[in-house]
Amino acid sequence: MKQEINFMVGGEAGQGVQSVGFLLAKTLARGGYHVFADQDYESRIRGGHNFFRVRAKDSEVGAILEPVDMVLALNEESLLLHDKELTREGVVLYDSGKIKEAGSKNAVGLPLEKLAEDKAGNKLMANTVALGAALGMAGYDLDILTSVLEEHFGSAAGKSNASAARAGYDYVNKNFAGRFARRLSPIGSQKRMLLNGNEAIALGAIAAGCRFMAAYPMTPATSIMEYLAEKAGKYDLIVIQPEDEIAAINMAIGDSYAGLRAMTATSGSGFCLMVEGLGLAGITETPIVVVDGQRPGPAVGLPTRTEQGDLQFVLHAHHGEFPRAVLAPAGVEEAFWLTVKAFNLAEKYQLPVIVLTDQHLATSYATVNRFDLSKVTVDRGLLYSARPGSPQEYKRHRLTESGISPRAFPGQEGVLVVTDADEHDETGHLTEDARSRSQQVQKRLAKLEGLRQEIAPPKPHGPKKAETTLIGWGSTYGAIREAVDILNAEGASVNSLHLDEIWPFPAAEVVSALDSARNSYVIENNATGQLSRLIRAETGREASDRVLKFDGRPFTPAGIVQEVNRRRL
């Protein structure tokens, strides 16, 4: 029998919603479960309504399930808002010392603050009491939670929190035994990592040999910089927060020009400020990795919500024509490996590579197996070395068939490295000569031929031949994949094709998928169907329809199933 459970922790900012949710996810992962967890939070330091959903399953999971089995309501608003989202046997736990009348048959009241003060000496640990109570209701192993708490908080605080969790655990077992029908036991001891998308990107950068990062804080990309700053001493990294995004990208370009692997990270409106720098990297052929964590725009938009609204922007950002690569990780594991690939492509082809993520992927947690670092390769591309006894004038922008010139670094013995933000000749000196201009444009664009061979084909899922094909990109993968499985279980004939390496565009594979299906639906988190338009522009083919969502929330499998069935039937 399959084991699966879906929790939600709800409350206001400042109540520890994210901490409780993360600890719950980690405790379930330690018991052998595959876990997926996402966050929904408002743009404020205190107040508002936040929630953290945790789904645990005995097989791989990549999306949130609706409805929920148990809600930990840390305030009254969470009780009122989410009670209707419970399953038939679901329960909502709340603090009976604060809320006298729950008004719901699903509600289970516990004196959370009183138990925290009596058993742990601090009423602020009421949320840890709720965590212990939730796992007690499900019959989960308290020892696993205790070890997680002690590891997370350290010895003294960890023991106090463990006491608080035990108080909640014992209370529900004494007073509400059998109240919650679902039972959840540990299923194994396999160790998996629990990471969010930003942590995976940061780890990918470290594995790839990144040595410099400059960024200005902007949700949802900030935690990439924070993670790298925390690890900087251990991995010989330089992490700088300059005055703005303009400075950030130009500092990264400068360090890359000097020979370090360099990156920056921002969101859409920060990327707007970086666009001039992107062109500088393009014309000087300086490798750089830029992470754009998408959120709804324009302007400030919804700063803590998700969207896939920057695809067309990053494909065409900056005036003029120069090559770039655009990668869009489908999940946490892909975020690691595509970041490694981004650094290799940037240096091999001497151009900017954009890693296009979004708030949903950036802040969602998933269990992944330990990354096999033996598979990480570092390709620094074509580096220049002078031949002893054979002096040769170094030309930074030497014309080659591949478009790639040997790269030297300032200060390298016997080499003068010259480049210019104006158009230049082979030696890097400014020129307005018509022939040189044409040669340099063609040289830069020639890189696309080699780059195109590096782009992995889109990922298929489901039967090889199907009546309906769902096409998506980036963080929608988990929801689309599960929707395909649900639809096929219902008797439909559905498969999917997912793009996480978007530019240069893998046209042949997309054409094949469109031609093989009777119906095709492009599914994306934006209002104008940006991937759908890109498909039409690059292939001349058009999907049957689009499923678009742009309310700042991610897709769920059930939502996709509903929309596909509505169009299909």
Protein backbone atom coordinates (compact mmCIF):
# COMPACT_ATOMS: atom_id res chain seq x y z
CA MET A 1 0.00 0.00 0.00
CA LYS A 2 1.35 3.40 -0.99
CA GLN A 3 2.14 5.83 1.79
CA GLU A 4 1.60 9.53 1.28
CA ILE A 5 0.63 12.54 3.39
CA ASN A 6 0.21 16.24 2.78
CA PHE A 7 0.78 18.80 5.56
CA MET A 8 0.34 22.56 5.70
CA VAL A 9 1.73 25.00 8.27
CA GLY A 10 -0.07 28.34 8.29
CA GLY A 11 0.46 31.57 10.20
CA GLU A 12 1.70 35.11 9.92
CA ALA A 13 5.24 36.30 9.19
CA GLY A 14 7.28 36.14 12.37
CA GLN A 15 5.57 33.03 13.78
CA GLY A 16 8.14 30.60 12.44
CA VAL A 17 6.03 29.17 9.62
CA GLN A 18 9.05 28.54 7.39
CA SER A 19 11.10 27.04 10.22
CA VAL A 20 8.37 24.62 11.24
CA GLY A 21 7.71 23.66 7.62
CA PHE A 22 11.38 23.01 6.91
CA LEU A 23 11.83 20.95 10.10
CA LEU A 24 8.74 18.91 9.25
CA ALA A 25 10.06 18.27 5.74
CA LYS A 26 13.47 17.28 7.06
CA THR A 27 12.00 14.92 9.65
CA LEU A 28 9.92 13.13 7.02
CA ALA A 29 12.92 12.90 4.71
CA ARG A 30 14.96 11.32 7.51
CA GLY A 31 12.33 8.60 7.71
CA GLY A 32 12.99 7.57 4.12
CA TYR A 33 10.26 9.57 2.39
CA HIS A 34 10.57 11.54 -0.81
CA VAL A 35 9.53 15.09 0.03
CA PHE A 36 8.41 18.14 -1.90
CA ALA A 37 7.66 21.37 -0.04
CA ASP A 38 6.71 24.85 -1.24
CA GLN A 39 6.21 28.21 0.42
CA ASP A 40 3.59 30.92 0.00
CA TYR A 41 4.47 34.16 1.75
CA GLU A 42 3.65 37.84 1.53
CA SER A 43 6.05 40.72 1.05
CA ARG A 44 6.22 41.81 4.68
CA ILE A 45 8.39 41.18 7.72
CA ARG A 46 5.55 40.64 10.18
CA GLY A 47 1.85 39.92 9.77
CA GLY A 48 0.00 38.83 6.65
CA HIS A 49 -0.77 35.22 5.87
CA ASN A 50 1.95 32.69 5.04
CA PHE A 51 1.87 28.96 4.60
CA PHE A 52 4.31 26.15 3.96
CA ARG A 53 3.11 22.91 2.35
CA VAL A 54 4.94 19.61 2.80
CA ARG A 55 4.14 16.51 0.78
CA ALA A 56 5.78 13.20 1.69
CA LYS A 57 5.50 10.07 -0.43
CA ASP A 58 7.14 6.66 -0.69
CA SER A 59 8.02 7.35 -4.34
CA GLU A 60 9.40 10.34 -6.23
CA VAL A 61 7.39 13.55 -5.92
CA GLY A 62 7.87 16.87 -7.67
CA ALA A 63 4.75 18.91 -6.96
CA ILE A 64 2.26 19.81 -4.27
CA LEU A 65 -0.97 17.85 -3.92
CA GLU A 66 -4.36 19.34 -3.12
CA PRO A 67 -6.21 19.04 -0.75
CA VAL A 68 -4.25 18.66 2.52
CA ASP A 69 -4.45 16.01 5.23
CA MET A 70 -3.39 18.14 8.18
CA VAL A 71 -3.10 21.87 8.84
CA LEU A 72 -1.00 23.30 11.66
CA ALA A 73 -2.79 26.61 12.21
CA LEU A 74 -0.50 28.94 14.15
CA ASN A 75 -3.14 31.69 14.06
CA GLU A 76 -6.91 31.99 13.66
CA GLU A 77 -6.73 33.19 10.06
CA SER A 78 -5.04 29.95 8.99
CA LEU A 79 -7.79 27.94 10.68
CA LEU A 80 -10.51 29.85 8.85
CA LEU A 81 -8.80 29.95 5.45
CA HIS A 82 -7.64 26.35 5.13
CA ASP A 83 -10.30 24.36 6.93
CA LYS A 84 -12.18 23.95 3.64
CA GLU A 85 -9.07 22.59 1.93
CA LEU A 86 -8.88 19.49 4.13
CA THR A 87 -9.49 15.97 2.98
CA ARG A 88 -12.54 14.15 4.34
CA GLU A 89 -10.50 12.66 7.19
CA GLY A 90 -8.25 15.70 7.59
CA VAL A 91 -7.69 17.70 10.78
CA VAL A 92 -6.56 21.19 11.65
CA LEU A 93 -4.53 21.72 14.83
CA TYR A 94 -4.87 25.06 16.61
CA ASP A 95 -4.08 26.76 19.94
CA SER A 96 -7.17 26.36 22.13
CA GLY A 97 -5.69 28.87 24.58
CA LYS A 98 -5.96 31.61 21.96
CA ILE A 99 -8.96 30.50 19.90
CA LYS A 100 -11.98 29.61 22.02
CA GLU A 101 -14.42 28.64 19.26
CA ALA A 102 -12.93 26.87 16.26
CA GLY A 103 -16.27 26.46 14.49
CA SER A 104 -15.15 23.38 12.56
CA LYS A 105 -15.72 19.68 13.02
CA ASN A 106 -12.20 19.10 11.70
CA ALA A 107 -10.55 21.22 14.39
CA VAL A 108 -8.40 19.77 17.16
CA GLY A 109 -7.54 22.24 19.92
CA LEU A 110 -4.34 22.05 21.98
CA PRO A 111 -2.98 24.52 24.56
CA LEU A 112 0.16 25.14 22.50
CA GLU A 113 1.60 28.12 24.37
CA LYS A 114 0.80 26.66 27.78
CA LEU A 115 2.47 23.36 26.93
CA ALA A 116 5.51 25.22 25.58
CA GLU A 117 5.85 27.26 28.75
CA ASP A 118 5.18 24.36 31.13
CA LYS A 119 7.40 21.77 29.43
CA ALA A 120 10.10 23.87 27.71
CA GLY A 121 10.04 27.09 29.72
CA ASN A 122 9.33 29.32 26.73
CA LYS A 123 5.95 29.99 25.13
CA LEU A 124 7.72 31.00 21.91
CA MET A 125 8.23 27.28 21.30
CA ALA A 126 4.48 26.84 20.74
CA ASN A 127 5.13 26.16 17.06
CA THR A 128 7.50 23.30 18.01
CA VAL A 129 4.73 21.90 20.24
CA ALA A 130 2.46 22.01 17.18
CA LEU A 131 5.10 20.18 15.15
CA GLY A 132 5.34 17.41 17.73
CA ALA A 133 1.56 17.21 17.93
CA ALA A 134 1.22 16.87 14.15
CA LEU A 135 3.63 13.95 14.00
CA GLY A 136 1.99 12.45 17.08
CA MET A 137 -1.40 12.53 15.37
CA ALA A 138 0.12 10.62 12.44
CA GLY A 139 1.94 8.14 14.67
CA TYR A 140 5.37 9.09 13.35
CA ASP A 141 8.64 8.29 15.17
CA LEU A 142 9.34 11.05 17.71
CA ASP A 143 13.02 10.09 17.97
CA ILE A 144 13.61 11.20 14.38
CA LEU A 145 12.09 14.60 15.11
CA THR A 146 14.14 14.91 18.31
CA SER A 147 17.40 14.25 16.47
CA VAL A 148 16.49 16.78 13.76
CA LEU A 149 15.69 19.45 16.37
CA GLU A 150 18.90 18.89 18.30
CA GLU A 151 20.93 18.99 15.11
CA HIS A 152 19.17 22.13 13.86
CA PHE A 153 19.21 24.21 17.06
CA GLY A 154 22.34 22.90 18.77
CA SER A 155 22.64 21.27 22.18
CA ALA A 156 20.84 23.54 24.68
CA ALA A 157 18.17 25.04 22.40
CA GLY A 158 17.80 21.68 20.69
CA LYS A 159 16.97 19.93 23.96
CA SER A 160 14.41 22.62 24.86
CA ASN A 161 12.75 22.32 21.48
CA ALA A 162 12.79 18.53 21.78
CA SER A 163 10.97 18.87 25.12
CA ALA A 164 8.40 21.15 23.50
CA ALA A 165 7.87 18.69 20.64
CA ARG A 166 7.45 15.80 23.08
CA ALA A 167 4.84 17.79 25.01
CA GLY A 168 2.71 18.15 21.87
CA TYR A 169 3.34 14.54 20.85
CA ASP A 170 2.30 13.15 24.25
CA TYR A 171 -0.70 15.46 24.55
CA VAL A 172 -2.37 14.30 21.34
CA ASN A 173 -1.65 10.65 22.07
CA LYS A 174 -3.30 11.02 25.47
CA ASN A 175 -6.28 13.13 24.42
CA PHE A 176 -6.87 12.46 20.71
CA ALA A 177 -5.75 8.88 20.07
CA GLY A 178 -7.42 7.62 16.89
CA ARG A 179 -8.70 11.09 15.94
CA PHE A 180 -6.60 11.11 12.77
CA ALA A 181 -7.02 7.95 10.70
CA ARG A 182 -3.87 8.28 8.60
CA ARG A 183 -0.77 6.56 10.02
CA LEU A 184 2.73 7.41 8.92
CA SER A 185 5.68 5.23 9.82
CA PRO A 186 9.31 5.61 8.72
CA ILE A 187 9.94 3.52 5.61
CA GLY A 188 13.73 3.45 5.46
CA SER A 189 16.99 5.11 6.31
CA GLN A 190 18.23 6.09 2.87
CA LYS A 191 19.96 9.43 3.15
CA ARG A 192 18.85 12.07 0.71
CA MET A 193 19.60 15.76 0.62
CA LEU A 194 16.78 18.24 1.23
CA LEU A 195 17.52 21.32 -0.85
CA ASN A 196 15.71 24.23 -2.45
CA GLY A 197 16.48 25.46 -5.95
CA ASN A 198 18.70 28.34 -4.86
CA GLU A 199 20.81 26.10 -2.65
CA ALA A 200 21.25 23.70 -5.58
CA ILE A 201 22.37 26.57 -7.84
CA ALA A 202 24.86 27.74 -5.22
CA LEU A 203 26.23 24.21 -4.81
CA GLY A 204 26.47 23.88 -8.59
CA ALA A 205 28.48 27.11 -8.74
CA ILE A 206 30.89 25.84 -6.08
CA ALA A 207 31.30 22.49 -7.84
CA ALA A 208 31.92 24.27 -11.13
CA GLY A 209 34.78 26.26 -9.64
CA CYS A 210 33.10 29.66 -9.33
CA ARG A 211 35.49 32.03 -7.55
CA PHE A 212 33.64 35.35 -7.66
CA MET A 213 30.04 36.40 -7.13
CA ALA A 214 28.66 39.93 -7.02
CA ALA A 215 24.95 40.51 -6.44
CA TYR A 216 22.49 42.98 -5.01
CA PRO A 217 19.75 41.40 -2.85
CA MET A 218 16.49 40.80 -4.69
CA THR A 219 13.81 38.20 -4.00
CA PRO A 220 13.89 35.36 -4.92
CA ALA A 221 17.60 35.24 -5.85
CA THR A 222 19.06 36.64 -2.61
CA SER A 223 19.65 33.31 -0.89
CA ILE A 224 22.11 32.26 -3.64
CA MET A 225 24.39 35.09 -2.56
CA GLU A 226 23.77 34.35 1.12
CA TYR A 227 24.63 30.67 0.71
CA LEU A 228 27.82 31.40 -1.21
CA ALA A 229 28.84 34.08 1.31
CA GLU A 230 28.45 31.56 4.12
CA LYS A 231 30.72 29.08 2.28
CA ALA A 232 33.16 31.66 0.89
CA GLY A 233 36.01 30.98 3.32
CA LYS A 234 35.83 27.23 2.87
CA TYR A 235 35.84 27.29 -0.94
CA ASP A 236 38.10 30.28 -1.68
CA LEU A 237 35.22 32.41 -2.93
CA ILE A 238 34.87 36.18 -3.12
CA VAL A 239 31.27 37.33 -2.57
CA ILE A 240 30.48 41.05 -2.81
CA GLN A 241 27.27 43.04 -2.39
CA PRO A 242 27.81 46.25 -4.37
CA GLU A 243 25.56 49.30 -4.54
CA ASP A 244 23.24 48.01 -7.28
CA GLU A 245 22.74 45.46 -10.04
CA ILE A 246 24.64 47.56 -12.60
CA ALA A 247 27.75 47.37 -10.45
CA ALA A 248 27.15 43.67 -9.76
CA ILE A 249 27.25 42.50 -13.35
CA ASN A 250 30.14 44.78 -14.28
CA MET A 251 32.19 43.54 -11.32
CA ALA A 252 31.51 39.95 -12.37
CA ILE A 253 32.52 40.75 -15.96
CA GLY A 254 35.74 42.35 -14.70
CA ASP A 255 36.67 39.34 -12.62
CA SER A 256 35.87 36.96 -15.47
CA TYR A 257 38.04 39.07 -17.82
CA ALA A 258 40.84 38.67 -15.28
CA GLY A 259 40.46 34.87 -15.32
CA LEU A 260 38.08 33.92 -12.50
CA ARG A 261 34.86 32.01 -13.01
CA ALA A 262 32.25 34.62 -12.09
CA MET A 263 28.50 34.96 -11.71
CA THR A 264 25.72 37.25 -10.55
CA ALA A 265 22.10 36.60 -9.56
CA THR A 266 19.02 38.78 -9.53
CA SER A 267 15.32 38.91 -10.42
CA GLY A 268 13.61 40.35 -13.48
CA SER A 269 13.68 44.02 -12.52
CA GLY A 270 17.31 43.70 -11.41
CA PHE A 271 18.10 42.00 -14.71
CA CYS A 272 16.70 45.11 -16.43
CA LEU A 273 19.55 47.09 -14.87
CA MET A 274 22.07 44.43 -15.91
CA VAL A 275 21.20 44.50 -19.60
CA GLU A 276 23.89 47.03 -20.58
CA GLY A 277 26.47 44.87 -18.85
CA LEU A 278 25.14 41.82 -20.69
CA GLY A 279 25.97 43.53 -23.97
CA LEU A 280 29.45 44.37 -22.67
CA ALA A 281 30.04 40.66 -22.03
CA GLY A 282 28.68 39.92 -25.50
CA ILE A 283 30.94 42.25 -27.48
CA THR A 284 34.06 41.63 -25.40
CA GLU A 285 33.36 37.87 -25.48
CA THR A 286 33.71 37.62 -21.72
CA PRO A 287 32.19 34.53 -20.07
CA ILE A 288 29.62 35.21 -17.36
CA VAL A 289 26.77 33.32 -15.68
CA VAL A 290 23.66 35.30 -14.77
CA VAL A 291 20.82 33.80 -12.70
CA ASP A 292 17.42 35.42 -13.22
CA GLY A 293 14.93 34.30 -10.56
CA GLN A 294 11.64 35.27 -12.14
CA ARG A 295 8.77 36.84 -10.23
CA PRO A 296 5.63 38.63 -11.47
CA GLY A 297 6.15 42.05 -13.04
CA PRO A 298 6.20 44.68 -14.32
CA ALA A 299 8.05 46.98 -11.91
CA VAL A 300 7.95 45.54 -8.38
CA GLY A 301 5.01 43.31 -9.30
CA LEU A 302 4.42 40.59 -6.72
CA PRO A 303 7.90 40.29 -5.19
CA THR A 304 7.32 37.03 -3.32
CA ARG A 305 5.23 35.20 -5.94
CA THR A 306 6.17 33.16 -8.99
CA GLU A 307 5.90 33.61 -12.75
CA GLN A 308 7.60 32.63 -16.01
CA GLY A 309 7.39 36.09 -17.53
CA ASP A 310 11.02 36.78 -18.49
CA LEU A 311 11.65 34.23 -21.24
CA GLN A 312 11.26 36.55 -24.23
CA PHE A 313 13.10 39.27 -22.31
CA VAL A 314 16.26 37.28 -21.62
CA LEU A 315 16.34 35.88 -25.16
CA HIS A 316 16.50 39.38 -26.64
CA ALA A 317 17.90 41.57 -23.85
CA HIS A 318 20.26 44.30 -25.14
CA HIS A 319 20.41 45.94 -28.53
CA GLY A 320 22.39 44.42 -31.36
CA GLU A 321 23.01 40.77 -32.11
CA PHE A 322 25.27 38.45 -30.13
CA PRO A 323 25.02 34.83 -28.97
CA ARG A 324 23.94 33.64 -25.54
CA ALA A 325 22.64 30.45 -23.94
CA VAL A 326 19.49 30.21 -21.83
CA LEU A 327 18.97 27.30 -19.42
CA ALA A 328 15.83 26.81 -17.30
CA PRO A 329 16.14 24.09 -14.62
CA ALA A 330 13.13 21.83 -14.20
CA GLY A 331 13.80 21.00 -10.54
CA VAL A 332 16.32 21.00 -7.74
CA GLU A 333 18.61 18.34 -9.23
CA GLU A 334 18.59 20.05 -12.62
CA ALA A 335 19.40 23.36 -10.92
CA PHE A 336 22.69 21.88 -9.73
CA TRP A 337 23.74 20.26 -12.98
CA LEU A 338 22.63 23.09 -15.27
CA THR A 339 24.59 25.58 -13.18
CA VAL A 340 27.71 23.47 -13.71
CA LYS A 341 26.91 23.35 -17.41
CA ALA A 342 26.32 27.11 -17.51
CA PHE A 343 29.88 27.82 -16.35
CA ASN A 344 31.34 25.40 -18.89
CA LEU A 345 29.31 26.82 -21.78
CA ALA A 346 30.17 30.38 -20.77
CA GLU A 347 33.91 29.73 -20.87
CA LYS A 348 33.95 27.31 -23.80
CA TYR A 349 32.04 29.73 -26.05
CA GLN A 350 33.09 32.98 -24.32
CA LEU A 351 29.61 34.41 -23.92
CA PRO A 352 26.90 35.10 -21.31
CA VAL A 353 24.79 32.19 -20.08
CA ILE A 354 21.49 32.91 -18.33
CA VAL A 355 20.07 30.44 -15.82
CA LEU A 356 16.35 31.20 -15.80
CA THR A 357 14.69 30.05 -12.61
CA ASP A 358 11.68 31.41 -10.68
CA GLN A 359 10.36 31.92 -7.17
CA HIS A 360 8.66 28.52 -7.11
CA LEU A 361 11.84 26.59 -7.86
CA ALA A 362 14.06 28.97 -5.90
CA THR A 363 12.24 28.48 -2.60
CA SER A 364 10.72 24.99 -2.93
CA TYR A 365 12.45 22.07 -1.21
CA ALA A 366 12.85 18.59 -2.63
CA THR A 367 14.71 15.45 -1.63
CA VAL A 368 17.48 14.49 -4.04
CA ASN A 369 20.18 11.86 -3.98
CA ARG A 370 23.71 13.01 -3.25
CA PHE A 371 25.23 14.57 -6.38
CA ASP A 372 27.91 12.41 -7.97
CA LEU A 373 30.77 14.91 -8.07
CA SER A 374 32.88 12.52 -10.16
CA LYS A 375 30.61 13.52 -13.07
CA VAL A 376 31.42 17.22 -12.68
CA THR A 377 33.79 18.42 -15.40
CA VAL A 378 35.38 21.86 -15.67
CA ASP A 379 35.87 22.98 -19.27
CA ARG A 380 37.68 26.31 -19.40
CA GLY A 381 37.59 26.39 -23.18
CA LEU A 382 40.31 27.45 -25.60
CA LEU A 383 43.10 29.05 -23.54
CA TYR A 384 46.08 30.78 -25.12
CA SER A 385 49.64 29.73 -24.42
CA ALA A 386 52.61 31.24 -26.19
CA ARG A 387 54.95 28.76 -27.87
CA PRO A 388 58.51 29.07 -26.55
CA GLY A 389 60.90 30.44 -29.17
CA SER A 390 58.05 31.25 -31.54
CA PRO A 391 56.82 34.76 -30.74
CA GLN A 392 53.35 35.50 -32.03
CA GLU A 393 51.23 38.62 -31.69
CA TYR A 394 48.27 37.84 -29.47
CA LYS A 395 44.89 38.77 -30.91
CA ARG A 396 42.09 38.56 -28.37
CA HIS A 397 39.43 38.48 -31.08
CA ARG A 398 41.29 36.42 -33.68
CA LEU A 399 39.02 35.23 -36.49
CA THR A 400 38.43 31.47 -36.34
CA GLU A 401 36.03 29.11 -38.08
CA SER A 402 34.30 28.25 -34.79
CA GLY A 403 34.11 31.88 -33.72
CA ILE A 404 36.09 31.05 -30.58
CA SER A 405 39.40 32.86 -30.11
CA PRO A 406 42.15 31.62 -27.77
CA ARG A 407 41.64 33.36 -24.44
CA ALA A 408 44.45 34.93 -22.44
CA PHE A 409 44.26 36.84 -19.17
CA PRO A 410 45.72 40.24 -18.28
CA GLY A 411 49.09 39.80 -16.63
CA GLN A 412 49.84 36.59 -18.49
CA GLU A 413 53.53 36.55 -19.37
CA GLY A 414 54.36 37.72 -22.87
CA VAL A 415 50.77 38.61 -23.76
CA LEU A 416 49.02 41.95 -24.12
CA VAL A 417 45.25 41.47 -23.78
CA VAL A 418 43.18 44.21 -25.43
CA THR A 419 39.44 44.43 -25.92
CA ASP A 420 36.89 47.20 -26.30
CA ALA A 421 33.18 47.87 -25.76
CA ASP A 422 33.20 49.60 -29.15
CA GLU A 423 33.44 47.40 -32.21
CA HIS A 424 37.02 46.28 -32.60
CA ASP A 425 39.37 44.43 -34.89
CA GLU A 426 41.08 41.10 -34.20
CA THR A 427 43.60 42.73 -31.86
CA GLY A 428 40.84 44.30 -29.77
CA HIS A 429 41.43 47.87 -30.84
CA LEU A 430 38.49 50.14 -31.69
CA THR A 431 37.60 50.27 -35.37
CA GLU A 432 34.82 51.50 -37.63
CA ASP A 433 36.10 49.63 -40.64
CA ALA A 434 33.15 48.04 -42.47
CA ARG A 435 34.95 44.79 -43.27
CA SER A 436 36.19 44.31 -39.70
CA ARG A 437 32.71 45.02 -38.36
CA SER A 438 31.13 42.35 -40.55
CA GLN A 439 33.85 39.85 -39.68
CA GLN A 440 33.47 40.32 -35.93
CA VAL A 441 29.66 40.06 -36.03
CA GLN A 442 29.88 36.86 -38.08
CA LYS A 443 32.63 35.53 -35.78
CA ARG A 444 30.52 36.00 -32.65
CA LEU A 445 27.39 34.53 -34.22
CA ALA A 446 29.34 31.53 -35.56
CA LYS A 447 29.52 30.27 -31.96
CA LEU A 448 25.83 29.38 -32.16
CA GLU A 449 26.62 26.43 -34.43
CA GLY A 450 28.80 24.75 -31.83
CA LEU A 451 26.58 25.88 -28.96
CA ARG A 452 23.55 24.32 -30.62
CA GLN A 453 25.22 20.91 -30.43
CA GLU A 454 25.64 21.32 -26.66
CA ILE A 455 21.94 21.80 -25.95
CA ALA A 456 20.37 18.63 -24.58
CA PRO A 457 17.06 17.51 -26.10
CA PRO A 458 13.82 18.16 -24.18
CA LYS A 459 12.77 15.51 -21.64
CA PRO A 460 9.91 13.22 -22.68
CA HIS A 461 7.55 11.55 -20.20
CA GLY A 462 4.75 9.08 -20.72
CA PRO A 463 4.06 6.83 -23.69
CA LYS A 464 6.16 7.41 -26.79
CA LYS A 465 3.03 7.88 -28.90
CA ALA A 466 0.04 9.69 -27.43
CA GLU A 467 -3.03 11.52 -28.60
CA THR A 468 -2.22 14.59 -26.50
CA THR A 469 1.17 16.15 -25.73
CA LEU A 470 1.79 18.66 -22.95
CA ILE A 471 4.77 20.99 -23.48
CA GLY A 472 6.36 23.00 -20.69
CA TRP A 473 9.58 24.56 -19.50
CA GLY A 474 11.39 25.26 -16.25
CA SER A 475 9.78 24.69 -12.87
CA THR A 476 6.43 23.41 -14.21
CA TYR A 477 7.99 19.99 -14.81
CA GLY A 478 6.92 18.24 -11.60
CA ALA A 479 3.28 19.30 -11.93
CA ILE A 480 3.10 18.44 -15.64
CA ARG A 481 4.76 15.05 -15.14
CA GLU A 482 2.29 14.05 -12.43
CA ALA A 483 -0.64 15.40 -14.46
CA VAL A 484 0.41 13.10 -17.34
CA ASP A 485 0.37 10.11 -14.98
CA ILE A 486 -3.06 11.04 -13.60
CA LEU A 487 -4.57 11.54 -17.05
CA ASN A 488 -3.24 8.21 -18.33
CA ALA A 489 -4.58 6.46 -15.22
CA GLU A 490 -7.97 7.95 -16.07
CA GLY A 491 -7.83 6.36 -19.52
CA ALA A 492 -6.51 9.25 -21.58
CA SER A 493 -3.55 9.03 -23.97
CA VAL A 494 -1.14 11.76 -22.89
CA ASN A 495 2.61 12.38 -22.82
CA SER A 496 4.79 15.43 -22.25
CA LEU A 497 7.87 17.17 -23.56
CA HIS A 498 9.77 19.47 -21.22
CA LEU A 499 12.42 22.03 -22.08
CA ASP A 500 15.09 22.99 -19.58
CA GLU A 501 17.73 24.00 -22.14
CA ILE A 502 15.91 26.58 -24.20
CA TRP A 503 18.41 28.54 -26.27
CA PRO A 504 19.69 27.75 -28.83
CA PHE A 505 16.21 26.33 -29.39
CA PRO A 506 15.88 22.53 -29.87
CA ALA A 507 13.55 22.91 -32.84
CA ALA A 508 13.75 19.39 -34.31
CA GLU A 509 12.57 17.63 -31.13
CA VAL A 510 9.71 20.07 -30.62
CA VAL A 511 8.55 19.70 -34.24
CA SER A 512 8.59 15.92 -33.86
CA ALA A 513 6.44 16.10 -30.74
CA LEU A 514 3.93 18.49 -32.30
CA ASP A 515 3.64 16.39 -35.46
CA SER A 516 3.14 13.16 -33.50
CA ALA A 517 0.14 14.30 -31.43
CA ARG A 518 -3.42 15.12 -32.39
CA ASN A 519 -3.59 17.80 -29.67
CA SER A 520 -0.77 19.75 -28.02
CA TYR A 521 -1.00 22.17 -25.11
CA VAL A 522 1.77 24.50 -23.98
CA ILE A 523 1.65 25.01 -20.22
CA GLU A 524 3.37 28.02 -18.70
CA ASN A 525 3.18 30.54 -15.86
CA ASN A 526 2.62 33.71 -17.89
CA ALA A 527 -0.19 35.60 -19.62
CA THR A 528 1.03 35.73 -23.22
CA GLY A 529 2.30 32.21 -23.92
CA GLN A 530 5.97 33.08 -24.29
CA LEU A 531 7.19 29.55 -25.01
CA SER A 532 4.25 29.03 -27.35
CA ARG A 533 5.30 32.10 -29.33
CA LEU A 534 8.92 30.95 -29.37
CA ILE A 535 7.86 27.56 -30.75
CA ARG A 536 5.91 29.24 -33.53
CA ALA A 537 8.81 31.57 -34.37
CA GLU A 538 11.47 28.84 -34.41
CA THR A 539 9.53 25.95 -35.99
CA GLY A 540 6.65 27.43 -37.95
CA ARG A 541 4.37 25.05 -36.02
CA GLU A 542 1.68 26.02 -33.56
CA ALA A 543 0.32 24.15 -30.56
CA SER A 544 -3.40 23.39 -30.40
CA ASP A 545 -3.91 25.53 -27.29
CA ARG A 546 -2.24 27.04 -24.25
CA VAL A 547 -2.80 26.56 -20.52
CA LEU A 548 -1.66 29.78 -18.86
CA LYS A 549 -1.51 30.75 -15.19
CA PHE A 550 -0.34 34.17 -14.07
CA ASP A 551 -1.82 34.79 -10.63
CA GLY A 552 1.56 34.45 -8.93
CA ARG A 553 0.96 30.85 -7.85
CA PRO A 554 2.50 27.68 -9.31
CA PHE A 555 0.65 24.98 -11.23
CA THR A 556 -0.58 21.91 -9.41
CA PRO A 557 -1.13 18.52 -11.08
CA ALA A 558 -4.88 18.69 -10.35
CA GLY A 559 -5.12 22.15 -11.93
CA ILE A 560 -3.43 20.96 -15.11
CA VAL A 561 -5.61 17.84 -15.29
CA GLN A 562 -8.74 19.97 -15.00
CA GLU A 563 -7.65 22.36 -17.77
CA VAL A 564 -6.51 19.60 -20.14
CA ASN A 565 -9.74 17.64 -19.67
CA ARG A 566 -11.78 20.77 -20.32
CA ARG A 567 -10.00 21.28 -23.65
CA ARG A 568 -9.79 17.61 -24.58
CA LEU A 569 -13.40 16.61 -23.99
